């Protein structure tokens, strides 16, 4: 009397796209992230590696810490940089941030 009969519902029709439309936004998000974040970072890393390998004695460089000087010696993993007359520091190669144009550091 008070309880109604429960009937099974009809099965939903199959999705004709096979669920691809549900994955499309996720795939699109990964493609956008690749082109906006990953690819430019890989390009910068490749350029930095090429700059480090091209270092030569006499190049004027600036480190990531802001120390500017002239390269006096290059070893496997380290570079000796003269920051003042008679003052040399040893820094790791990856800490070299940029190679300056020749003649930038006039007082060395």
N, C-alpha and C. Protein backbone atom coordinates (compact mmCIF):
# COMPACT_ATOMS: atom_id res chain seq x y z
N UNK A 1 0.78 -1.18 0.00
CA UNK A 1 0.00 0.00 0.00
C UNK A 1 0.84 1.27 0.00
N UNK A 2 1.72 1.38 1.00
CA UNK A 2 2.53 2.60 1.05
C UNK A 2 3.87 2.47 0.31
N UNK A 3 4.25 1.28 0.01
CA UNK A 3 5.53 1.06 -0.67
C UNK A 3 5.26 0.86 -2.15
N UNK A 4 5.98 1.66 -2.97
CA UNK A 4 5.80 1.53 -4.41
C UNK A 4 6.78 0.51 -4.96
N UNK A 5 6.48 -0.03 -6.06
CA UNK A 5 7.35 -1.02 -6.68
C UNK A 5 8.56 -0.32 -7.29
N UNK A 6 9.74 -0.93 -7.18
CA UNK A 6 10.97 -0.41 -7.78
C UNK A 6 11.24 -1.14 -9.07
N UNK A 7 11.45 -0.41 -10.12
CA UNK A 7 11.72 -1.01 -11.42
C UNK A 7 13.13 -0.60 -11.87
N UNK A 8 13.81 -1.49 -12.52
CA UNK A 8 15.14 -1.20 -13.04
C UNK A 8 15.04 -0.20 -14.19
N UNK A 9 16.02 0.73 -14.22
CA UNK A 9 16.03 1.70 -15.30
C UNK A 9 16.68 1.10 -16.53
N UNK A 10 16.39 1.67 -17.65
CA UNK A 10 17.00 1.20 -18.88
C UNK A 10 18.48 1.58 -18.89
N UNK A 11 19.31 0.75 -19.46
CA UNK A 11 20.75 1.02 -19.54
C UNK A 11 20.98 2.23 -20.44
N UNK A 12 21.93 3.12 -20.04
CA UNK A 12 22.20 4.29 -20.88
C UNK A 12 22.84 3.85 -22.19
N UNK A 13 22.63 4.65 -23.20
CA UNK A 13 23.22 4.32 -24.50
C UNK A 13 24.72 4.52 -24.46
N UNK A 14 25.45 3.78 -25.25
CA UNK A 14 26.91 3.85 -25.28
C UNK A 14 27.35 5.18 -25.89
N UNK A 15 28.48 5.71 -25.37
CA UNK A 15 29.03 6.97 -25.88
C UNK A 15 29.68 6.70 -27.25
N UNK A 16 29.25 7.38 -28.29
CA UNK A 16 29.82 7.10 -29.62
C UNK A 16 31.28 7.51 -29.76
N UNK A 17 31.79 8.44 -28.92
CA UNK A 17 33.18 8.87 -29.03
C UNK A 17 34.11 7.97 -28.24
N UNK A 18 33.56 7.03 -27.48
CA UNK A 18 34.41 6.09 -26.74
C UNK A 18 35.10 6.72 -25.55
N UNK A 19 34.63 7.80 -25.02
CA UNK A 19 35.23 8.42 -23.85
C UNK A 19 36.39 9.34 -24.16
N UNK A 20 36.72 9.51 -25.41
CA UNK A 20 37.85 10.38 -25.79
C UNK A 20 37.59 11.83 -25.41
N UNK A 21 36.34 12.24 -25.50
CA UNK A 21 36.00 13.63 -25.17
C UNK A 21 36.24 13.92 -23.69
N UNK A 22 36.19 12.91 -22.84
CA UNK A 22 36.46 13.12 -21.42
C UNK A 22 37.95 13.31 -21.17
N UNK A 23 38.80 12.67 -21.96
CA UNK A 23 40.25 12.79 -21.80
C UNK A 23 40.83 13.98 -22.54
N UNK A 24 40.11 14.55 -23.45
CA UNK A 24 40.62 15.64 -24.27
C UNK A 24 41.07 16.86 -23.45
N UNK A 25 40.32 17.33 -22.43
CA UNK A 25 40.82 18.47 -21.65
C UNK A 25 42.12 18.18 -20.91
N UNK A 26 42.28 16.97 -20.42
CA UNK A 26 43.52 16.62 -19.71
C UNK A 26 44.70 16.58 -20.68
N UNK A 27 44.48 16.00 -21.85
CA UNK A 27 45.54 15.95 -22.86
C UNK A 27 45.90 17.35 -23.31
N UNK A 28 44.90 18.18 -23.53
CA UNK A 28 45.14 19.56 -23.94
C UNK A 28 45.93 20.33 -22.87
N UNK A 29 45.63 20.09 -21.60
CA UNK A 29 46.34 20.76 -20.51
C UNK A 29 47.82 20.36 -20.51
N UNK A 30 48.13 19.08 -20.72
CA UNK A 30 49.52 18.65 -20.76
C UNK A 30 50.26 19.25 -21.96
N UNK A 31 49.60 19.38 -23.08
CA UNK A 31 50.23 19.98 -24.26
C UNK A 31 50.55 21.45 -24.00
N UNK A 32 49.62 22.18 -23.40
CA UNK A 32 49.84 23.60 -23.10
C UNK A 32 50.97 23.75 -22.09
N UNK A 33 50.99 22.93 -21.04
CA UNK A 33 52.07 22.99 -20.05
C UNK A 33 53.42 22.68 -20.69
N UNK A 34 53.45 21.74 -21.62
CA UNK A 34 54.70 21.39 -22.29
C UNK A 34 55.26 22.59 -23.04
N UNK A 35 54.41 23.28 -23.81
CA UNK A 35 54.89 24.38 -24.63
C UNK A 35 55.13 25.66 -23.83
N UNK A 36 54.47 25.84 -22.70
CA UNK A 36 54.65 27.07 -21.94
C UNK A 36 55.68 26.95 -20.82
N UNK A 37 55.92 25.74 -20.33
CA UNK A 37 56.82 25.61 -19.18
C UNK A 37 58.01 24.70 -19.43
N UNK A 38 57.78 23.50 -19.87
CA UNK A 38 58.85 22.51 -19.96
C UNK A 38 59.81 22.82 -21.11
N UNK A 39 59.28 23.09 -22.27
CA UNK A 39 60.12 23.32 -23.45
C UNK A 39 61.04 24.54 -23.30
N UNK A 40 60.54 25.71 -22.84
CA UNK A 40 61.45 26.84 -22.66
C UNK A 40 62.53 26.58 -21.60
N UNK A 41 62.18 25.83 -20.55
CA UNK A 41 63.17 25.52 -19.51
C UNK A 41 64.26 24.62 -20.07
N UNK A 42 63.90 23.66 -20.89
CA UNK A 42 64.90 22.79 -21.51
C UNK A 42 65.80 23.58 -22.45
N UNK A 43 65.23 24.55 -23.16
CA UNK A 43 66.01 25.38 -24.07
C UNK A 43 67.03 26.22 -23.29
N UNK A 44 66.58 26.82 -22.17
CA UNK A 44 67.50 27.62 -21.34
C UNK A 44 68.62 26.75 -20.78
N UNK A 45 68.29 25.55 -20.34
CA UNK A 45 69.30 24.65 -19.78
C UNK A 45 70.33 24.26 -20.85
N UNK A 46 69.86 24.03 -22.06
CA UNK A 46 70.77 23.68 -23.15
C UNK A 46 71.70 24.84 -23.49
N UNK A 47 71.17 26.07 -23.51
CA UNK A 47 71.99 27.24 -23.78
C UNK A 47 73.02 27.46 -22.68
N UNK A 48 72.64 27.25 -21.42
CA UNK A 48 73.56 27.44 -20.30
C UNK A 48 74.69 26.41 -20.36
N UNK A 49 74.35 25.17 -20.71
CA UNK A 49 75.36 24.13 -20.82
C UNK A 49 76.36 24.46 -21.92
N UNK A 50 75.85 24.97 -23.05
CA UNK A 50 76.74 25.35 -24.15
C UNK A 50 77.64 26.51 -23.74
N UNK A 51 77.10 27.48 -22.97
CA UNK A 51 77.90 28.61 -22.51
C UNK A 51 79.02 28.13 -21.58
N UNK A 52 78.70 27.21 -20.68
CA UNK A 52 79.70 26.70 -19.73
C UNK A 52 80.80 25.95 -20.48
N UNK A 53 80.43 25.17 -21.49
CA UNK A 53 81.44 24.42 -22.24
C UNK A 53 82.32 25.33 -23.10
N UNK A 54 81.80 26.49 -23.46
CA UNK A 54 82.56 27.41 -24.31
C UNK A 54 83.42 28.38 -23.51
N UNK A 55 83.42 28.27 -22.17
CA UNK A 55 84.25 29.18 -21.36
C UNK A 55 85.71 29.03 -21.74
N UNK A 56 86.40 30.16 -21.76
CA UNK A 56 87.83 30.16 -22.07
C UNK A 56 88.55 31.11 -21.11
N UNK A 57 89.84 30.90 -20.99
CA UNK A 57 90.65 31.76 -20.14
C UNK A 57 90.59 33.18 -20.69
N UNK A 58 90.35 34.15 -19.81
CA UNK A 58 90.26 35.55 -20.20
C UNK A 58 88.83 36.03 -20.37
N UNK A 59 87.86 35.14 -20.38
CA UNK A 59 86.46 35.56 -20.47
C UNK A 59 86.06 36.30 -19.20
N UNK A 60 85.23 37.31 -19.38
CA UNK A 60 84.70 38.06 -18.24
C UNK A 60 83.32 37.50 -17.93
N UNK A 61 83.12 37.07 -16.67
CA UNK A 61 81.90 36.37 -16.30
C UNK A 61 81.28 37.01 -15.06
N UNK A 62 80.03 36.66 -14.85
CA UNK A 62 79.34 37.03 -13.62
C UNK A 62 78.71 35.75 -13.07
N UNK A 63 78.83 35.55 -11.76
CA UNK A 63 78.29 34.35 -11.14
C UNK A 63 76.86 34.59 -10.69
N UNK A 64 76.18 33.52 -10.30
CA UNK A 64 74.82 33.65 -9.81
C UNK A 64 74.76 34.44 -8.52
N UNK A 65 75.84 34.50 -7.80
CA UNK A 65 75.91 35.28 -6.57
C UNK A 65 76.21 36.75 -6.81
N UNK A 66 76.48 37.12 -8.07
CA UNK A 66 76.71 38.52 -8.40
C UNK A 66 78.17 38.91 -8.45
N UNK A 67 79.07 37.97 -8.34
CA UNK A 67 80.50 38.27 -8.39
C UNK A 67 80.93 38.35 -9.85
N UNK A 68 81.54 39.45 -10.22
CA UNK A 68 82.03 39.64 -11.59
C UNK A 68 83.54 39.54 -11.59
N UNK A 69 84.08 38.89 -12.60
CA UNK A 69 85.52 38.74 -12.68
C UNK A 69 85.95 38.14 -13.99
N UNK A 70 87.26 37.91 -14.09
CA UNK A 70 87.85 37.37 -15.32
C UNK A 70 88.35 35.95 -15.03
N UNK A 71 88.07 35.04 -15.95
CA UNK A 71 88.47 33.64 -15.79
C UNK A 71 89.98 33.53 -15.96
N UNK A 72 90.64 32.90 -14.98
CA UNK A 72 92.09 32.73 -15.06
C UNK A 72 92.49 31.28 -15.28
N UNK A 73 91.65 30.34 -14.86
CA UNK A 73 91.95 28.92 -15.05
C UNK A 73 90.65 28.13 -15.09
N UNK A 74 90.66 27.09 -15.90
CA UNK A 74 89.48 26.23 -16.02
C UNK A 74 89.90 24.80 -15.73
N UNK A 75 89.19 24.18 -14.79
CA UNK A 75 89.43 22.78 -14.45
C UNK A 75 88.20 21.98 -14.86
N UNK A 76 88.12 20.73 -14.43
CA UNK A 76 87.00 19.88 -14.83
C UNK A 76 85.67 20.44 -14.34
N UNK A 77 85.56 20.69 -13.04
CA UNK A 77 84.29 21.13 -12.45
C UNK A 77 84.34 22.55 -11.89
N UNK A 78 85.53 23.14 -11.86
CA UNK A 78 85.69 24.44 -11.23
C UNK A 78 86.35 25.44 -12.18
N UNK A 79 86.12 26.72 -11.86
CA UNK A 79 86.71 27.82 -12.62
C UNK A 79 87.33 28.79 -11.62
N UNK A 80 88.55 29.23 -11.90
CA UNK A 80 89.17 30.25 -11.04
C UNK A 80 88.88 31.61 -11.68
N UNK A 81 88.32 32.50 -10.85
CA UNK A 81 87.91 33.82 -11.34
C UNK A 81 88.66 34.89 -10.55
N UNK A 82 89.33 35.79 -11.27
CA UNK A 82 90.02 36.91 -10.63
C UNK A 82 89.01 38.04 -10.47
N UNK A 83 88.74 38.42 -9.20
CA UNK A 83 87.73 39.45 -8.94
C UNK A 83 88.36 40.81 -8.64
N UNK A 84 89.66 40.81 -8.35
CA UNK A 84 90.42 42.05 -8.15
C UNK A 84 91.88 41.70 -8.41
N UNK A 85 92.73 42.71 -8.49
CA UNK A 85 94.15 42.46 -8.74
C UNK A 85 94.71 41.55 -7.64
N UNK A 86 95.14 40.36 -8.03
CA UNK A 86 95.74 39.42 -7.09
C UNK A 86 94.75 38.65 -6.24
N UNK A 87 93.45 38.82 -6.45
CA UNK A 87 92.44 38.10 -5.65
C UNK A 87 91.68 37.16 -6.59
N UNK A 88 91.82 35.87 -6.32
CA UNK A 88 91.13 34.88 -7.13
C UNK A 88 90.22 34.03 -6.25
N UNK A 89 89.07 33.66 -6.79
CA UNK A 89 88.16 32.75 -6.10
C UNK A 89 87.90 31.56 -7.03
N UNK A 90 87.60 30.43 -6.42
CA UNK A 90 87.26 29.24 -7.18
C UNK A 90 85.76 29.03 -7.07
N UNK A 91 85.10 28.91 -8.22
CA UNK A 91 83.65 28.69 -8.24
C UNK A 91 83.36 27.47 -9.11
N UNK A 92 82.23 26.85 -8.85
CA UNK A 92 81.81 25.73 -9.68
C UNK A 92 81.33 26.25 -11.03
N UNK A 93 81.53 25.46 -12.06
CA UNK A 93 81.13 25.88 -13.41
C UNK A 93 79.64 26.22 -13.51
N UNK A 94 78.73 25.41 -12.93
CA UNK A 94 77.30 25.73 -13.09
C UNK A 94 76.88 27.05 -12.44
N UNK A 95 77.71 27.63 -11.55
CA UNK A 95 77.33 28.90 -10.93
C UNK A 95 77.63 30.11 -11.80
N UNK A 96 78.26 29.89 -12.94
CA UNK A 96 78.49 31.00 -13.88
C UNK A 96 77.15 31.33 -14.53
N UNK A 97 76.68 32.55 -14.33
CA UNK A 97 75.37 32.95 -14.84
C UNK A 97 75.45 33.53 -16.25
N UNK A 98 76.51 34.28 -16.54
CA UNK A 98 76.59 34.91 -17.86
C UNK A 98 78.04 35.22 -18.19
N UNK A 99 78.32 35.23 -19.48
CA UNK A 99 79.62 35.68 -19.99
C UNK A 99 79.41 37.09 -20.50
N UNK A 100 80.20 38.02 -19.96
CA UNK A 100 80.06 39.43 -20.31
C UNK A 100 80.86 39.74 -21.59
N UNK A 101 80.49 40.79 -22.29
CA UNK A 101 81.28 41.20 -23.47
C UNK A 101 82.69 41.62 -23.04
N UNK A 102 83.64 41.38 -23.92
CA UNK A 102 85.03 41.76 -23.63
C UNK A 102 85.13 43.26 -23.34
N UNK A 103 85.92 43.60 -22.31
CA UNK A 103 86.11 45.00 -21.95
C UNK A 103 85.10 45.55 -20.99
N UNK A 104 84.18 44.73 -20.52
CA UNK A 104 83.18 45.20 -19.56
C UNK A 104 83.82 45.54 -18.23
N UNK A 105 84.72 44.70 -17.78
CA UNK A 105 85.41 44.92 -16.51
C UNK A 105 86.73 45.63 -16.80
N UNK A 106 86.75 46.93 -16.67
CA UNK A 106 87.92 47.73 -17.03
C UNK A 106 89.00 47.75 -15.94
N UNK A 107 88.59 47.60 -14.68
CA UNK A 107 89.55 47.78 -13.59
C UNK A 107 90.27 46.49 -13.21
N UNK A 108 90.10 45.40 -13.95
CA UNK A 108 90.83 44.16 -13.63
C UNK A 108 92.04 44.04 -14.49
